[in-house]
Amino acid sequence: MTIREYKDYDVSEILDLYSDAGWIAYTRDPDSLRRGYENSLLILAAYEGDELMGLIRVVGDGATVILVQDILVYKRYQRQGVGTALLKEILERFGDVRQIELVTDDTEKTKAFYRSVGFMSLQESGCMGFVKWGEN
């Protein structure tokens, strides 16, 4: 497995990955997804040869705060260390950033995954988070 920056947006590849994850809100509006990619701070992808295994997309200022917006791994590659490798690469590259945030599903699987790489819930850190969903 190699990890490298994802610079050449391939709409069919990205839509396939998001579809595999069941993230249909993104696949319904591919133009917005493309704009999101174009405005991201960093996108890294994991490959086996030329085959995309998964990716991670980060937004933010890169100095005081970043948000792990997307982390997706094809189902056939899950539980093989792909997501962990992608996330650890982000944590290494942005190790000096004060806040590294993410929003995820409230399942034992996802909580265990993020805790395994050093994350804690906002409640555990004495904070509270808010979100306002758009119309899409």
N, C-alpha and C. Protein backbone atom coordinates (compact mmCIF):
# COMPACT_ATOMS: atom_id res chain seq x y z
N MET A 1 0.85 -1.18 0.00
CA MET A 1 0.00 0.00 0.00
C MET A 1 0.89 1.24 0.00
N THR A 2 0.54 2.17 -0.86
CA THR A 2 1.21 3.47 -0.86
C THR A 2 0.17 4.56 -0.63
N ILE A 3 0.61 5.61 0.04
CA ILE A 3 -0.26 6.76 0.29
C ILE A 3 0.37 7.95 -0.41
N ARG A 4 -0.46 8.65 -1.18
CA ARG A 4 0.03 9.84 -1.87
C ARG A 4 -1.11 10.86 -1.99
N GLU A 5 -0.72 12.09 -2.31
CA GLU A 5 -1.73 13.12 -2.47
C GLU A 5 -2.63 12.79 -3.65
N TYR A 6 -3.91 13.06 -3.47
CA TYR A 6 -4.90 12.85 -4.53
C TYR A 6 -5.11 14.20 -5.20
N LYS A 7 -4.52 14.36 -6.38
CA LYS A 7 -4.54 15.66 -7.05
C LYS A 7 -5.40 15.68 -8.30
N ASP A 8 -5.52 14.57 -8.99
CA ASP A 8 -6.27 14.52 -10.25
C ASP A 8 -7.65 13.92 -9.98
N TYR A 9 -8.63 14.80 -9.83
CA TYR A 9 -9.99 14.38 -9.50
C TYR A 9 -10.57 13.53 -10.62
N ASP A 10 -10.90 12.30 -10.30
CA ASP A 10 -11.53 11.37 -11.24
C ASP A 10 -12.96 11.15 -10.76
N VAL A 11 -13.91 11.79 -11.42
CA VAL A 11 -15.30 11.79 -10.96
C VAL A 11 -15.86 10.37 -10.84
N SER A 12 -15.59 9.50 -11.79
CA SER A 12 -16.14 8.14 -11.71
C SER A 12 -15.54 7.37 -10.55
N GLU A 13 -14.24 7.54 -10.32
CA GLU A 13 -13.57 6.86 -9.21
C GLU A 13 -14.11 7.35 -7.87
N ILE A 14 -14.28 8.66 -7.74
CA ILE A 14 -14.78 9.23 -6.48
C ILE A 14 -16.23 8.83 -6.24
N LEU A 15 -17.07 8.93 -7.25
CA LEU A 15 -18.48 8.55 -7.07
C LEU A 15 -18.61 7.07 -6.74
N ASP A 16 -17.76 6.23 -7.31
CA ASP A 16 -17.79 4.80 -7.00
C ASP A 16 -17.42 4.56 -5.53
N LEU A 17 -16.40 5.25 -5.05
CA LEU A 17 -15.98 5.10 -3.65
C LEU A 17 -17.08 5.57 -2.70
N TYR A 18 -17.67 6.73 -2.97
CA TYR A 18 -18.74 7.25 -2.11
C TYR A 18 -19.98 6.36 -2.18
N SER A 19 -20.27 5.81 -3.35
CA SER A 19 -21.39 4.88 -3.48
C SER A 19 -21.15 3.62 -2.67
N ASP A 20 -19.94 3.10 -2.73
CA ASP A 20 -19.58 1.91 -1.97
C ASP A 20 -19.78 2.13 -0.47
N ALA A 21 -19.53 3.37 -0.02
CA ALA A 21 -19.71 3.71 1.39
C ALA A 21 -21.16 4.01 1.74
N GLY A 22 -22.01 4.15 0.71
CA GLY A 22 -23.42 4.48 0.96
C GLY A 22 -23.65 5.95 1.23
N TRP A 23 -22.72 6.81 0.84
CA TRP A 23 -22.83 8.24 1.09
C TRP A 23 -23.55 8.90 -0.08
N ILE A 24 -24.83 8.61 -0.22
CA ILE A 24 -25.60 9.05 -1.39
C ILE A 24 -25.86 10.55 -1.41
N ALA A 25 -25.82 11.22 -0.27
CA ALA A 25 -26.00 12.68 -0.28
C ALA A 25 -24.91 13.33 -1.12
N TYR A 26 -23.73 12.74 -1.13
CA TYR A 26 -22.62 13.27 -1.93
C TYR A 26 -22.77 12.88 -3.39
N THR A 27 -23.18 11.66 -3.64
CA THR A 27 -23.26 11.19 -5.02
C THR A 27 -24.42 11.82 -5.78
N ARG A 28 -25.41 12.33 -5.06
CA ARG A 28 -26.54 13.00 -5.72
C ARG A 28 -26.17 14.37 -6.27
N ASP A 29 -25.08 14.94 -5.77
CA ASP A 29 -24.67 16.27 -6.20
C ASP A 29 -23.18 16.26 -6.52
N PRO A 30 -22.80 15.62 -7.62
CA PRO A 30 -21.38 15.49 -7.94
C PRO A 30 -20.67 16.82 -8.16
N ASP A 31 -21.38 17.86 -8.60
CA ASP A 31 -20.74 19.16 -8.79
C ASP A 31 -20.30 19.77 -7.46
N SER A 32 -21.14 19.66 -6.45
CA SER A 32 -20.76 20.15 -5.12
C SER A 32 -19.60 19.34 -4.55
N LEU A 33 -19.62 18.05 -4.77
CA LEU A 33 -18.53 17.21 -4.29
C LEU A 33 -17.22 17.62 -4.94
N ARG A 34 -17.25 17.86 -6.23
CA ARG A 34 -16.03 18.31 -6.93
C ARG A 34 -15.53 19.63 -6.35
N ARG A 35 -16.44 20.57 -6.12
CA ARG A 35 -16.03 21.86 -5.53
C ARG A 35 -15.43 21.66 -4.14
N GLY A 36 -16.02 20.75 -3.39
CA GLY A 36 -15.47 20.43 -2.07
C GLY A 36 -14.04 19.93 -2.18
N TYR A 37 -13.80 19.06 -3.14
CA TYR A 37 -12.45 18.55 -3.35
C TYR A 37 -11.50 19.68 -3.76
N GLU A 38 -11.95 20.52 -4.65
CA GLU A 38 -11.11 21.62 -5.13
C GLU A 38 -10.74 22.59 -4.01
N ASN A 39 -11.58 22.72 -2.99
CA ASN A 39 -11.34 23.65 -1.90
C ASN A 39 -10.80 23.00 -0.64
N SER A 40 -10.42 21.75 -0.72
CA SER A 40 -9.90 21.04 0.44
C SER A 40 -8.47 21.46 0.75
N LEU A 41 -8.10 21.35 1.99
CA LEU A 41 -6.74 21.63 2.42
C LEU A 41 -5.79 20.54 1.92
N LEU A 42 -6.19 19.28 2.06
CA LEU A 42 -5.35 18.16 1.64
C LEU A 42 -6.24 16.94 1.43
N ILE A 43 -5.92 16.17 0.40
CA ILE A 43 -6.57 14.89 0.15
C ILE A 43 -5.47 13.87 -0.06
N LEU A 44 -5.52 12.80 0.69
CA LEU A 44 -4.57 11.70 0.53
C LEU A 44 -5.34 10.46 0.12
N ALA A 45 -4.70 9.64 -0.69
CA ALA A 45 -5.32 8.40 -1.14
C ALA A 45 -4.37 7.23 -0.91
N ALA A 46 -4.94 6.09 -0.60
CA ALA A 46 -4.18 4.85 -0.44
C ALA A 46 -4.40 4.01 -1.70
N TYR A 47 -3.32 3.46 -2.22
CA TYR A 47 -3.37 2.66 -3.44
C TYR A 47 -2.67 1.33 -3.25
N GLU A 48 -3.18 0.34 -3.91
CA GLU A 48 -2.49 -0.93 -4.11
C GLU A 48 -2.20 -0.98 -5.60
N GLY A 49 -0.96 -0.70 -5.97
CA GLY A 49 -0.65 -0.51 -7.38
C GLY A 49 -1.35 0.75 -7.86
N ASP A 50 -2.18 0.62 -8.89
CA ASP A 50 -2.96 1.75 -9.39
C ASP A 50 -4.40 1.75 -8.88
N GLU A 51 -4.74 0.78 -8.04
CA GLU A 51 -6.12 0.65 -7.56
C GLU A 51 -6.34 1.45 -6.28
N LEU A 52 -7.32 2.35 -6.31
CA LEU A 52 -7.68 3.14 -5.15
C LEU A 52 -8.29 2.24 -4.09
N MET A 53 -7.76 2.35 -2.87
CA MET A 53 -8.27 1.58 -1.73
C MET A 53 -9.15 2.44 -0.83
N GLY A 54 -8.78 3.71 -0.71
CA GLY A 54 -9.50 4.61 0.16
C GLY A 54 -8.86 5.98 0.14
N LEU A 55 -9.52 6.94 0.78
CA LEU A 55 -8.95 8.28 0.85
C LEU A 55 -9.42 9.01 2.08
N ILE A 56 -8.73 10.12 2.34
CA ILE A 56 -9.05 10.99 3.46
C ILE A 56 -8.97 12.42 2.94
N ARG A 57 -9.96 13.23 3.34
CA ARG A 57 -10.03 14.61 2.87
C ARG A 57 -10.11 15.52 4.09
N VAL A 58 -9.26 16.56 4.10
CA VAL A 58 -9.15 17.47 5.23
C VAL A 58 -9.44 18.89 4.77
N VAL A 59 -10.20 19.62 5.59
CA VAL A 59 -10.46 21.03 5.37
C VAL A 59 -10.02 21.80 6.61
N GLY A 60 -9.82 23.10 6.47
CA GLY A 60 -9.43 23.92 7.61
C GLY A 60 -8.32 24.87 7.24
N ASP A 61 -7.73 25.50 8.27
CA ASP A 61 -6.67 26.48 8.01
C ASP A 61 -5.28 25.86 8.04
N GLY A 62 -5.15 24.64 8.55
CA GLY A 62 -3.88 23.95 8.56
C GLY A 62 -2.92 24.41 9.64
N ALA A 63 -3.31 25.40 10.43
CA ALA A 63 -2.43 25.93 11.47
C ALA A 63 -3.04 25.79 12.87
N THR A 64 -4.32 26.13 13.00
CA THR A 64 -4.96 26.06 14.32
C THR A 64 -6.06 25.01 14.39
N VAL A 65 -6.65 24.69 13.23
CA VAL A 65 -7.75 23.72 13.22
C VAL A 65 -7.85 23.05 11.86
N ILE A 66 -8.11 21.76 11.89
CA ILE A 66 -8.48 21.03 10.68
C ILE A 66 -9.67 20.13 11.01
N LEU A 67 -10.41 19.80 10.00
CA LEU A 67 -11.54 18.89 10.12
C LEU A 67 -11.31 17.76 9.13
N VAL A 68 -11.31 16.55 9.63
CA VAL A 68 -11.28 15.39 8.74
C VAL A 68 -12.69 15.28 8.20
N GLN A 69 -12.88 15.78 7.01
CA GLN A 69 -14.21 15.85 6.40
C GLN A 69 -14.66 14.47 5.94
N ASP A 70 -13.78 13.75 5.25
CA ASP A 70 -14.14 12.44 4.71
C ASP A 70 -12.99 11.47 4.94
N ILE A 71 -13.34 10.28 5.37
CA ILE A 71 -12.41 9.17 5.35
C ILE A 71 -13.22 7.97 4.89
N LEU A 72 -12.83 7.45 3.73
CA LEU A 72 -13.58 6.35 3.12
C LEU A 72 -12.61 5.26 2.68
N VAL A 73 -12.98 4.03 2.93
CA VAL A 73 -12.21 2.88 2.47
C VAL A 73 -13.20 1.92 1.83
N TYR A 74 -12.87 1.47 0.63
CA TYR A 74 -13.74 0.47 -0.02
C TYR A 74 -13.99 -0.68 0.95
N LYS A 75 -15.20 -1.18 0.97
CA LYS A 75 -15.57 -2.28 1.87
C LYS A 75 -14.61 -3.46 1.75
N ARG A 76 -14.17 -3.74 0.53
CA ARG A 76 -13.29 -4.90 0.33
C ARG A 76 -11.90 -4.71 0.95
N TYR A 77 -11.56 -3.47 1.32
CA TYR A 77 -10.26 -3.19 1.94
C TYR A 77 -10.36 -2.82 3.42
N GLN A 78 -11.58 -2.79 3.95
CA GLN A 78 -11.74 -2.42 5.36
C GLN A 78 -11.17 -3.51 6.26
N ARG A 79 -10.77 -3.07 7.45
CA ARG A 79 -10.18 -3.96 8.47
C ARG A 79 -8.82 -4.50 8.04
N GLN A 80 -8.15 -3.73 7.16
CA GLN A 80 -6.81 -4.11 6.70
C GLN A 80 -5.78 -3.02 6.98
N GLY A 81 -6.16 -2.02 7.77
CA GLY A 81 -5.22 -0.97 8.15
C GLY A 81 -5.18 0.23 7.23
N VAL A 82 -6.04 0.26 6.22
CA VAL A 82 -6.02 1.36 5.25
C VAL A 82 -6.46 2.67 5.91
N GLY A 83 -7.59 2.65 6.57
CA GLY A 83 -8.09 3.85 7.23
C GLY A 83 -7.13 4.34 8.31
N THR A 84 -6.57 3.42 9.06
CA THR A 84 -5.61 3.78 10.10
C THR A 84 -4.38 4.44 9.49
N ALA A 85 -3.87 3.89 8.41
CA ALA A 85 -2.69 4.46 7.75
C ALA A 85 -2.99 5.86 7.23
N LEU A 86 -4.16 6.05 6.63
CA LEU A 86 -4.53 7.37 6.12
C LEU A 86 -4.64 8.39 7.26
N LEU A 87 -5.31 8.01 8.33
CA LEU A 87 -5.50 8.92 9.45
C LEU A 87 -4.18 9.23 10.13
N LYS A 88 -3.33 8.24 10.30
CA LYS A 88 -2.02 8.48 10.93
C LYS A 88 -1.16 9.41 10.09
N GLU A 89 -1.27 9.32 8.78
CA GLU A 89 -0.53 10.23 7.91
C GLU A 89 -1.01 11.67 8.12
N ILE A 90 -2.31 11.86 8.26
CA ILE A 90 -2.84 13.20 8.53
C ILE A 90 -2.36 13.70 9.89
N LEU A 91 -2.42 12.84 10.89
CA LEU A 91 -2.00 13.24 12.24
C LEU A 91 -0.51 13.60 12.25
N GLU A 92 0.28 12.93 11.45
CA GLU A 92 1.70 13.26 11.37
C GLU A 92 1.92 14.59 10.65
N ARG A 93 1.26 14.78 9.54
CA ARG A 93 1.43 16.01 8.76
C ARG A 93 0.93 17.25 9.50
N PHE A 94 -0.10 17.06 10.32
CA PHE A 94 -0.70 18.20 11.02
C PHE A 94 -0.51 18.07 12.53
N GLY A 95 0.61 17.50 12.94
CA GLY A 95 0.88 17.27 14.35
C GLY A 95 0.94 18.53 15.20
N ASP A 96 1.23 19.67 14.60
CA ASP A 96 1.31 20.93 15.36
C ASP A 96 -0.02 21.68 15.43
N VAL A 97 -1.04 21.16 14.77
CA VAL A 97 -2.34 21.83 14.76
C VAL A 97 -3.03 21.58 16.11
N ARG A 98 -3.58 22.64 16.68
CA ARG A 98 -4.19 22.55 18.01
C ARG A 98 -5.42 21.65 18.04
N GLN A 99 -6.31 21.79 17.07
CA GLN A 99 -7.55 21.00 17.06
C GLN A 99 -7.66 20.22 15.75
N ILE A 100 -7.76 18.92 15.90
CA ILE A 100 -8.05 18.05 14.77
C ILE A 100 -9.40 17.42 15.07
N GLU A 101 -10.38 17.78 14.27
CA GLU A 101 -11.77 17.40 14.54
C GLU A 101 -12.31 16.49 13.45
N LEU A 102 -13.38 15.79 13.80
CA LEU A 102 -14.12 15.01 12.81
C LEU A 102 -15.51 14.73 13.36
N VAL A 103 -16.41 14.44 12.46
CA VAL A 103 -17.77 14.05 12.81
C VAL A 103 -17.99 12.68 12.21
N THR A 104 -18.56 11.77 12.98
CA THR A 104 -18.73 10.41 12.49
C THR A 104 -20.02 9.81 13.03
N ASP A 105 -20.34 8.64 12.52
CA ASP A 105 -21.51 7.90 12.99
C ASP A 105 -21.30 7.49 14.45
N ASP A 106 -22.39 7.46 15.19
CA ASP A 106 -22.35 7.06 16.60
C ASP A 106 -22.55 5.55 16.70
N THR A 107 -21.52 4.82 16.28
CA THR A 107 -21.55 3.36 16.40
C THR A 107 -20.32 2.92 17.18
N GLU A 108 -20.41 1.78 17.81
CA GLU A 108 -19.27 1.26 18.57
C GLU A 108 -18.06 1.05 17.67
N LYS A 109 -18.30 0.62 16.44
CA LYS A 109 -17.21 0.38 15.49
C LYS A 109 -16.44 1.66 15.20
N THR A 110 -17.16 2.75 14.89
CA THR A 110 -16.46 3.99 14.57
C THR A 110 -15.81 4.60 15.81
N LYS A 111 -16.49 4.54 16.93
CA LYS A 111 -15.89 5.10 18.15
C LYS A 111 -14.61 4.35 18.52
N ALA A 112 -14.63 3.04 18.40
CA ALA A 112 -13.44 2.24 18.71
C ALA A 112 -12.30 2.58 17.76
N PHE A 113 -12.62 2.75 16.48
CA PHE A 113 -11.60 3.08 15.49
C PHE A 113 -10.92 4.40 15.83
N TYR A 114 -11.70 5.46 16.05
CA TYR A 114 -11.10 6.76 16.30
C TYR A 114 -10.39 6.83 17.65
N ARG A 115 -10.90 6.14 18.64
CA ARG A 115 -10.20 6.08 19.92
C ARG A 115 -8.86 5.37 19.77
N SER A 116 -8.79 4.39 18.89
CA SER A 116 -7.55 3.62 18.72
C SER A 116 -6.41 4.46 18.17
N VAL A 117 -6.74 5.60 17.56
CA VAL A 117 -5.69 6.49 17.04
C VAL A 117 -5.62 7.81 17.82
N GLY A 118 -6.20 7.83 19.03
CA GLY A 118 -6.00 8.95 19.93
C GLY A 118 -7.09 9.99 20.02
N PHE A 119 -8.20 9.80 19.31
CA PHE A 119 -9.29 10.76 19.39
C PHE A 119 -10.14 10.49 20.64
N MET A 120 -10.82 11.53 21.10
CA MET A 120 -11.80 11.39 22.17
C MET A 120 -13.06 12.15 21.76
N SER A 121 -14.16 11.81 22.37
CA SER A 121 -15.39 12.52 22.05
C SER A 121 -15.32 13.94 22.60
N LEU A 122 -16.12 14.83 22.03
CA LEU A 122 -16.16 16.20 22.54
C LEU A 122 -16.56 16.21 24.01
N GLN A 123 -17.50 15.36 24.38
CA GLN A 123 -17.94 15.31 25.78
C GLN A 123 -16.79 14.91 26.69
N GLU A 124 -15.97 13.97 26.26
CA GLU A 124 -14.83 13.53 27.07
C GLU A 124 -13.80 14.65 27.25
N SER A 125 -13.76 15.58 26.33
CA SER A 125 -12.79 16.68 26.42
C SER A 125 -13.39 17.91 27.10
N GLY A 126 -14.61 17.79 27.61
CA GLY A 126 -15.25 18.90 28.29
C GLY A 126 -15.85 19.93 27.35
N CYS A 127 -16.03 19.53 26.10
CA CYS A 127 -16.59 20.44 25.10
C CYS A 127 -17.93 19.92 24.61
N MET A 128 -18.54 20.71 23.78
CA MET A 128 -19.80 20.34 23.15
C MET A 128 -19.74 20.80 21.70
N GLY A 129 -20.31 20.04 20.82
CA GLY A 129 -20.31 20.42 19.41
C GLY A 129 -21.72 20.70 18.92
N PHE A 130 -21.79 21.50 17.88
CA PHE A 130 -23.07 21.81 17.24
C PHE A 130 -22.91 21.62 15.74
N VAL A 131 -23.98 21.32 15.08
CA VAL A 131 -23.98 21.20 13.64
C VAL A 131 -25.30 21.74 13.11
N LYS A 132 -25.25 22.36 11.95
CA LYS A 132 -26.46 22.80 11.26
C LYS A 132 -26.38 22.23 9.86
N TRP A 133 -27.28 21.34 9.54
CA TRP A 133 -27.28 20.70 8.23
C TRP A 133 -27.93 21.61 7.20
N GLY A 134 -27.37 21.63 6.02
CA GLY A 134 -27.92 22.40 4.92
C GLY A 134 -29.13 21.70 4.34
N GLU A 135 -29.67 22.28 3.32
CA GLU A 135 -30.89 21.75 2.67
C GLU A 135 -30.61 20.49 1.86
N ASN A 136 -29.37 20.24 1.48
CA ASN A 136 -29.05 19.10 0.60
C ASN A 136 -29.04 17.81 1.33
